[in-house]
Amino acid sequence: MATTHVPTARMSNPAYLLPGAAQAIQELLKASRQGGAPESILELVHLRASQINNCGFCVDFGAKSARKAGMSEEKLFAVAAWRETPYFTDEERAALELAESATRLADNADAVPDPVWDAAADHFDEKQLASIVLMVAITNFFNRINVSVRQPAGTFPQP
């Protein structure tokens, strides 16, 4: 029988240790939702970037948040393989590809190539793109904090 490994955090979340950090981060997150991008799109890009970065805390939180926002189980389980499944709209695919490119900056000399950007711009206006880009950036920020301190999944109040 396999044993269950329950990781423990190396330290408290840095955002809560430094005065004003958590509030500033929450304000940025709130602002990222003001551009009119559909909540479902923001949930998808958050989840996909978190999967790429192996952030168990954010994958867990993001999946629960996406489910609460009405994402189907079928779609939720297929995010990591979105290219090979029929569950995503062209709009969602464009956002997911943008999220992947913006997360994997070091993988390509032209990290976010014009075709990826143009596909997203075909589906979203400038404010919506701003929301998506900010959400991807904030997600990567969260991922780097949580992976660095080994924040265990399931240790934040449910969304």
C-alpha atoms as a PDB file:
ATOM      1  CA  MET A   1       0.000   0.000   0.000  1.00  0.00           C
ATOM      2  CA  ALA A   2       1.388   3.410  -0.968  1.00  0.00           C
ATOM      3  CA  THR A   3       1.934   6.001   1.684  1.00  0.00           C
ATOM      4  CA  THR A   4       0.590   9.482   1.286  1.00  0.00           C
ATOM      5  CA  HIS A   5       3.116  12.277   1.309  1.00  0.00           C
ATOM      6  CA  VAL A   6       1.681  15.439   2.814  1.00  0.00           C
ATOM      7  CA  PRO A   7       4.096  18.280   2.143  1.00  0.00           C
ATOM      8  CA  THR A   8       4.551  21.070   4.613  1.00  0.00           C
ATOM      9  CA  ALA A   9       5.358  24.637   3.727  1.00  0.00           C
ATOM     10  CA  ARG A  10       8.917  25.800   4.248  1.00  0.00           C
ATOM     11  CA  MET A  11       7.656  29.075   5.675  1.00  0.00           C
ATOM     12  CA  SER A  12       4.570  31.218   5.891  1.00  0.00           C
ATOM     13  CA  ASN A  13       3.451  32.747   2.632  1.00  0.00           C
ATOM     14  CA  PRO A  14       5.733  35.759   1.991  1.00  0.00           C
ATOM     15  CA  ALA A  15       2.779  37.898   0.930  1.00  0.00           C
ATOM     16  CA  TYR A  16       1.420  37.693   4.454  1.00  0.00           C
ATOM     17  CA  LEU A  17       4.753  38.332   6.149  1.00  0.00           C
ATOM     18  CA  LEU A  18       5.518  41.710   4.580  1.00  0.00           C
ATOM     19  CA  PRO A  19       3.295  44.681   5.400  1.00  0.00           C
ATOM     20  CA  GLY A  20       1.074  45.733   2.516  1.00  0.00           C
ATOM     21  CA  ALA A  21       2.069  42.903   0.183  1.00  0.00           C
ATOM     22  CA  ALA A  22      -1.128  40.841   0.433  1.00  0.00           C
ATOM     23  CA  GLN A  23      -3.329  43.899  -0.010  1.00  0.00           C
ATOM     24  CA  ALA A  24      -1.363  45.073  -3.067  1.00  0.00           C
ATOM     25  CA  ILE A  25      -1.543  41.610  -4.628  1.00  0.00           C
ATOM     26  CA  GLN A  26      -5.293  41.395  -4.016  1.00  0.00           C
ATOM     27  CA  GLU A  27      -5.793  44.822  -5.602  1.00  0.00           C
ATOM     28  CA  LEU A  28      -3.853  43.716  -8.693  1.00  0.00           C
ATOM     29  CA  LEU A  29      -5.892  40.522  -8.885  1.00  0.00           C
ATOM     30  CA  LYS A  30      -9.104  42.546  -8.556  1.00  0.00           C
ATOM     31  CA  ALA A  31      -7.940  44.918 -11.319  1.00  0.00           C
ATOM     32  CA  SER A  32      -7.190  41.980 -13.614  1.00  0.00           C
ATOM     33  CA  ARG A  33     -10.875  41.078 -13.534  1.00  0.00           C
ATOM     34  CA  GLN A  34     -12.020  44.531 -14.669  1.00  0.00           C
ATOM     35  CA  GLY A  35     -11.253  44.205 -18.386  1.00  0.00           C
ATOM     36  CA  GLY A  36     -14.328  42.280 -19.410  1.00  0.00           C
ATOM     37  CA  ALA A  37     -12.664  38.947 -20.177  1.00  0.00           C
ATOM     38  CA  PRO A  38     -15.067  36.133 -19.325  1.00  0.00           C
ATOM     39  CA  GLU A  39     -14.458  34.669 -15.874  1.00  0.00           C
ATOM     40  CA  SER A  40     -14.285  31.208 -17.436  1.00  0.00           C
ATOM     41  CA  ILE A  41     -11.373  32.330 -19.638  1.00  0.00           C
ATOM     42  CA  LEU A  42      -9.515  33.778 -16.649  1.00  0.00           C
ATOM     43  CA  GLU A  43     -10.063  30.539 -14.737  1.00  0.00           C
ATOM     44  CA  LEU A  44      -8.747  28.493 -17.672  1.00  0.00           C
ATOM     45  CA  VAL A  45      -5.562  30.523 -18.114  1.00  0.00           C
ATOM     46  CA  HIS A  46      -4.925  30.462 -14.358  1.00  0.00           C
ATOM     47  CA  LEU A  47      -5.296  26.701 -14.244  1.00  0.00           C
ATOM     48  CA  ARG A  48      -3.163  26.067 -17.335  1.00  0.00           C
ATOM     49  CA  ALA A  49      -0.272  28.302 -16.219  1.00  0.00           C
ATOM     50  CA  SER A  50      -0.378  26.648 -12.785  1.00  0.00           C
ATOM     51  CA  GLN A  51      -0.215  23.189 -14.378  1.00  0.00           C
ATOM     52  CA  ILE A  52       2.808  24.203 -16.454  1.00  0.00           C
ATOM     53  CA  ASN A  53       4.575  25.552 -13.370  1.00  0.00           C
ATOM     54  CA  ASN A  54       3.760  22.455 -11.283  1.00  0.00           C
ATOM     55  CA  CYS A  55       2.125  24.547  -8.587  1.00  0.00           C
ATOM     56  CA  GLY A  56      -0.016  22.017  -6.756  1.00  0.00           C
ATOM     57  CA  PHE A  57      -1.488  24.693  -4.515  1.00  0.00           C
ATOM     58  CA  CYS A  58      -2.668  26.820  -7.474  1.00  0.00           C
ATOM     59  CA  VAL A  59      -3.837  23.829  -9.531  1.00  0.00           C
ATOM     60  CA  ASP A  60      -5.954  22.671  -6.596  1.00  0.00           C
ATOM     61  CA  PHE A  61      -7.282  26.157  -5.888  1.00  0.00           C
ATOM     62  CA  GLY A  62      -7.807  26.913  -9.593  1.00  0.00           C
ATOM     63  CA  ALA A  63      -9.691  23.692 -10.278  1.00  0.00           C
ATOM     64  CA  LYS A  64     -12.000  24.304  -7.329  1.00  0.00           C
ATOM     65  CA  SER A  65     -12.537  27.909  -8.358  1.00  0.00           C
ATOM     66  CA  ALA A  66     -13.243  26.920 -11.970  1.00  0.00           C
ATOM     67  CA  ARG A  67     -15.726  24.284 -10.838  1.00  0.00           C
ATOM     68  CA  LYS A  68     -17.459  26.817  -8.596  1.00  0.00           C
ATOM     69  CA  ALA A  69     -17.636  29.222 -11.577  1.00  0.00           C
ATOM     70  CA  GLY A  70     -19.507  26.557 -13.537  1.00  0.00           C
ATOM     71  CA  MET A  71     -16.781  24.860 -15.584  1.00  0.00           C
ATOM     72  CA  SER A  72     -17.788  21.336 -16.542  1.00  0.00           C
ATOM     73  CA  GLU A  73     -15.865  18.395 -15.125  1.00  0.00           C
ATOM     74  CA  GLU A  74     -15.191  17.242 -18.674  1.00  0.00           C
ATOM     75  CA  LYS A  75     -13.505  20.516 -19.572  1.00  0.00           C
ATOM     76  CA  LEU A  76     -11.775  20.844 -16.205  1.00  0.00           C
ATOM     77  CA  PHE A  77     -10.120  17.442 -16.554  1.00  0.00           C
ATOM     78  CA  ALA A  78      -8.987  18.193 -20.116  1.00  0.00           C
ATOM     79  CA  VAL A  79      -7.215  21.537 -19.588  1.00  0.00           C
ATOM     80  CA  ALA A  80      -3.737  19.982 -19.692  1.00  0.00           C
ATOM     81  CA  ALA A  81      -4.580  18.345 -23.035  1.00  0.00           C
ATOM     82  CA  TRP A  82      -6.720  21.105 -24.512  1.00  0.00           C
ATOM     83  CA  ARG A  83      -5.219  20.752 -28.002  1.00  0.00           C
ATOM     84  CA  GLU A  84      -6.260  17.090 -28.222  1.00  0.00           C
ATOM     85  CA  THR A  85      -9.825  17.426 -26.953  1.00  0.00           C
ATOM     86  CA  PRO A  86     -12.997  18.798 -28.521  1.00  0.00           C
ATOM     87  CA  TYR A  87     -14.240  20.571 -25.383  1.00  0.00           C
ATOM     88  CA  PHE A  88     -12.796  24.045 -25.919  1.00  0.00           C
ATOM     89  CA  THR A  89     -14.023  26.901 -28.081  1.00  0.00           C
ATOM     90  CA  ASP A  90     -11.732  28.766 -30.464  1.00  0.00           C
ATOM     91  CA  GLU A  91     -11.777  31.680 -27.996  1.00  0.00           C
ATOM     92  CA  GLU A  92     -10.681  29.408 -25.128  1.00  0.00           C
ATOM     93  CA  ARG A  93      -7.989  27.807 -27.291  1.00  0.00           C
ATOM     94  CA  ALA A  94      -6.553  31.207 -28.199  1.00  0.00           C
ATOM     95  CA  ALA A  95      -6.449  32.228 -24.536  1.00  0.00           C
ATOM     96  CA  LEU A  96      -4.875  28.929 -23.486  1.00  0.00           C
ATOM     97  CA  GLU A  97      -2.192  29.207 -26.156  1.00  0.00           C
ATOM     98  CA  LEU A  98      -1.433  32.770 -25.091  1.00  0.00           C
ATOM     99  CA  ALA A  99      -1.217  31.639 -21.463  1.00  0.00           C
ATOM    100  CA  GLU A 100       1.173  28.839 -22.363  1.00  0.00           C
ATOM    101  CA  SER A 101       3.428  31.119 -24.409  1.00  0.00           C
ATOM    102  CA  ALA A 102       3.494  33.833 -21.746  1.00  0.00           C
ATOM    103  CA  THR A 103       4.271  31.237 -19.073  1.00  0.00           C
ATOM    104  CA  ARG A 104       7.021  29.435 -20.997  1.00  0.00           C
ATOM    105  CA  LEU A 105       9.033  32.558 -21.798  1.00  0.00           C
ATOM    106  CA  ALA A 106      12.413  30.829 -21.809  1.00  0.00           C
ATOM    107  CA  ASP A 107      11.322  28.034 -24.161  1.00  0.00           C
ATOM    108  CA  ASN A 108      11.387  30.135 -27.349  1.00  0.00           C
ATOM    109  CA  ALA A 109      13.391  33.104 -28.583  1.00  0.00           C
ATOM    110  CA  ASP A 110      10.103  34.685 -29.666  1.00  0.00           C
ATOM    111  CA  ALA A 111       8.233  33.756 -26.495  1.00  0.00           C
ATOM    112  CA  VAL A 112       4.837  35.089 -27.552  1.00  0.00           C
ATOM    113  CA  PRO A 113       4.943  34.913 -31.344  1.00  0.00           C
ATOM    114  CA  ASP A 114       2.712  37.101 -33.496  1.00  0.00           C
ATOM    115  CA  PRO A 115       0.435  34.225 -34.609  1.00  0.00           C
ATOM    116  CA  VAL A 116      -0.337  33.392 -30.960  1.00  0.00           C
ATOM    117  CA  TRP A 117      -0.990  37.037 -30.112  1.00  0.00           C
ATOM    118  CA  ASP A 118      -3.022  37.613 -33.283  1.00  0.00           C
ATOM    119  CA  ALA A 119      -5.222  34.581 -32.593  1.00  0.00           C
ATOM    120  CA  ALA A 120      -6.016  35.953 -29.142  1.00  0.00           C
ATOM    121  CA  ALA A 121      -6.588  39.457 -30.541  1.00  0.00           C
ATOM    122  CA  ASP A 122      -9.105  37.987 -33.001  1.00  0.00           C
ATOM    123  CA  HIS A 123     -11.269  36.951 -30.039  1.00  0.00           C
ATOM    124  CA  PHE A 124     -10.635  39.600 -27.398  1.00  0.00           C
ATOM    125  CA  ASP A 125     -10.534  43.378 -27.379  1.00  0.00           C
ATOM    126  CA  GLU A 126      -7.632  45.274 -25.844  1.00  0.00           C
ATOM    127  CA  LYS A 127      -9.110  45.464 -22.337  1.00  0.00           C
ATOM    128  CA  GLN A 128      -9.965  41.777 -22.365  1.00  0.00           C
ATOM    129  CA  LEU A 129      -6.431  40.985 -23.538  1.00  0.00           C
ATOM    130  CA  ALA A 130      -5.127  43.149 -20.699  1.00  0.00           C
ATOM    131  CA  SER A 131      -7.169  41.045 -18.251  1.00  0.00           C
ATOM    132  CA  ILE A 132      -5.846  37.804 -19.694  1.00  0.00           C
ATOM    133  CA  VAL A 133      -2.219  38.968 -19.762  1.00  0.00           C
ATOM    134  CA  LEU A 134      -2.477  40.266 -16.193  1.00  0.00           C
ATOM    135  CA  MET A 135      -4.104  37.036 -15.015  1.00  0.00           C
ATOM    136  CA  VAL A 136      -1.318  34.972 -16.584  1.00  0.00           C
ATOM    137  CA  ALA A 137       1.328  37.230 -15.013  1.00  0.00           C
ATOM    138  CA  ILE A 138      -0.326  37.144 -11.587  1.00  0.00           C
ATOM    139  CA  THR A 139      -0.705  33.377 -11.815  1.00  0.00           C
ATOM    140  CA  ASN A 140       2.982  33.002 -12.612  1.00  0.00           C
ATOM    141  CA  PHE A 141       3.718  35.281  -9.649  1.00  0.00           C
ATOM    142  CA  PHE A 142       1.558  33.133  -7.347  1.00  0.00           C
ATOM    143  CA  ASN A 143       3.104  29.955  -8.736  1.00  0.00           C
ATOM    144  CA  ARG A 144       6.630  31.146  -8.041  1.00  0.00           C
ATOM    145  CA  ILE A 145       5.809  32.037  -4.463  1.00  0.00           C
ATOM    146  CA  ASN A 146       3.907  28.848  -3.723  1.00  0.00           C
ATOM    147  CA  VAL A 147       6.407  26.520  -5.408  1.00  0.00           C
ATOM    148  CA  SER A 148       9.345  28.245  -3.659  1.00  0.00           C
ATOM    149  CA  VAL A 149       7.841  27.848  -0.186  1.00  0.00           C
ATOM    150  CA  ARG A 150       6.244  24.471  -1.045  1.00  0.00           C
ATOM    151  CA  GLN A 151       2.767  25.648  -0.135  1.00  0.00           C
ATOM    152  CA  PRO A 152       0.661  22.479   0.173  1.00  0.00           C
ATOM    153  CA  ALA A 153      -2.471  22.121  -1.903  1.00  0.00           C
ATOM    154  CA  GLY A 154      -5.724  22.542  -0.012  1.00  0.00           C
ATOM    155  CA  THR A 155      -4.338  24.880   2.639  1.00  0.00           C
ATOM    156  CA  PHE A 156      -6.316  27.968   1.638  1.00  0.00           C
ATOM    157  CA  PRO A 157     -10.037  28.524   2.260  1.00  0.00           C
ATOM    158  CA  GLN A 158     -12.147  27.111  -0.545  1.00  0.00           C
ATOM    159  CA  PRO A 159     -13.060  29.573  -3.317  1.00  0.00           C
END
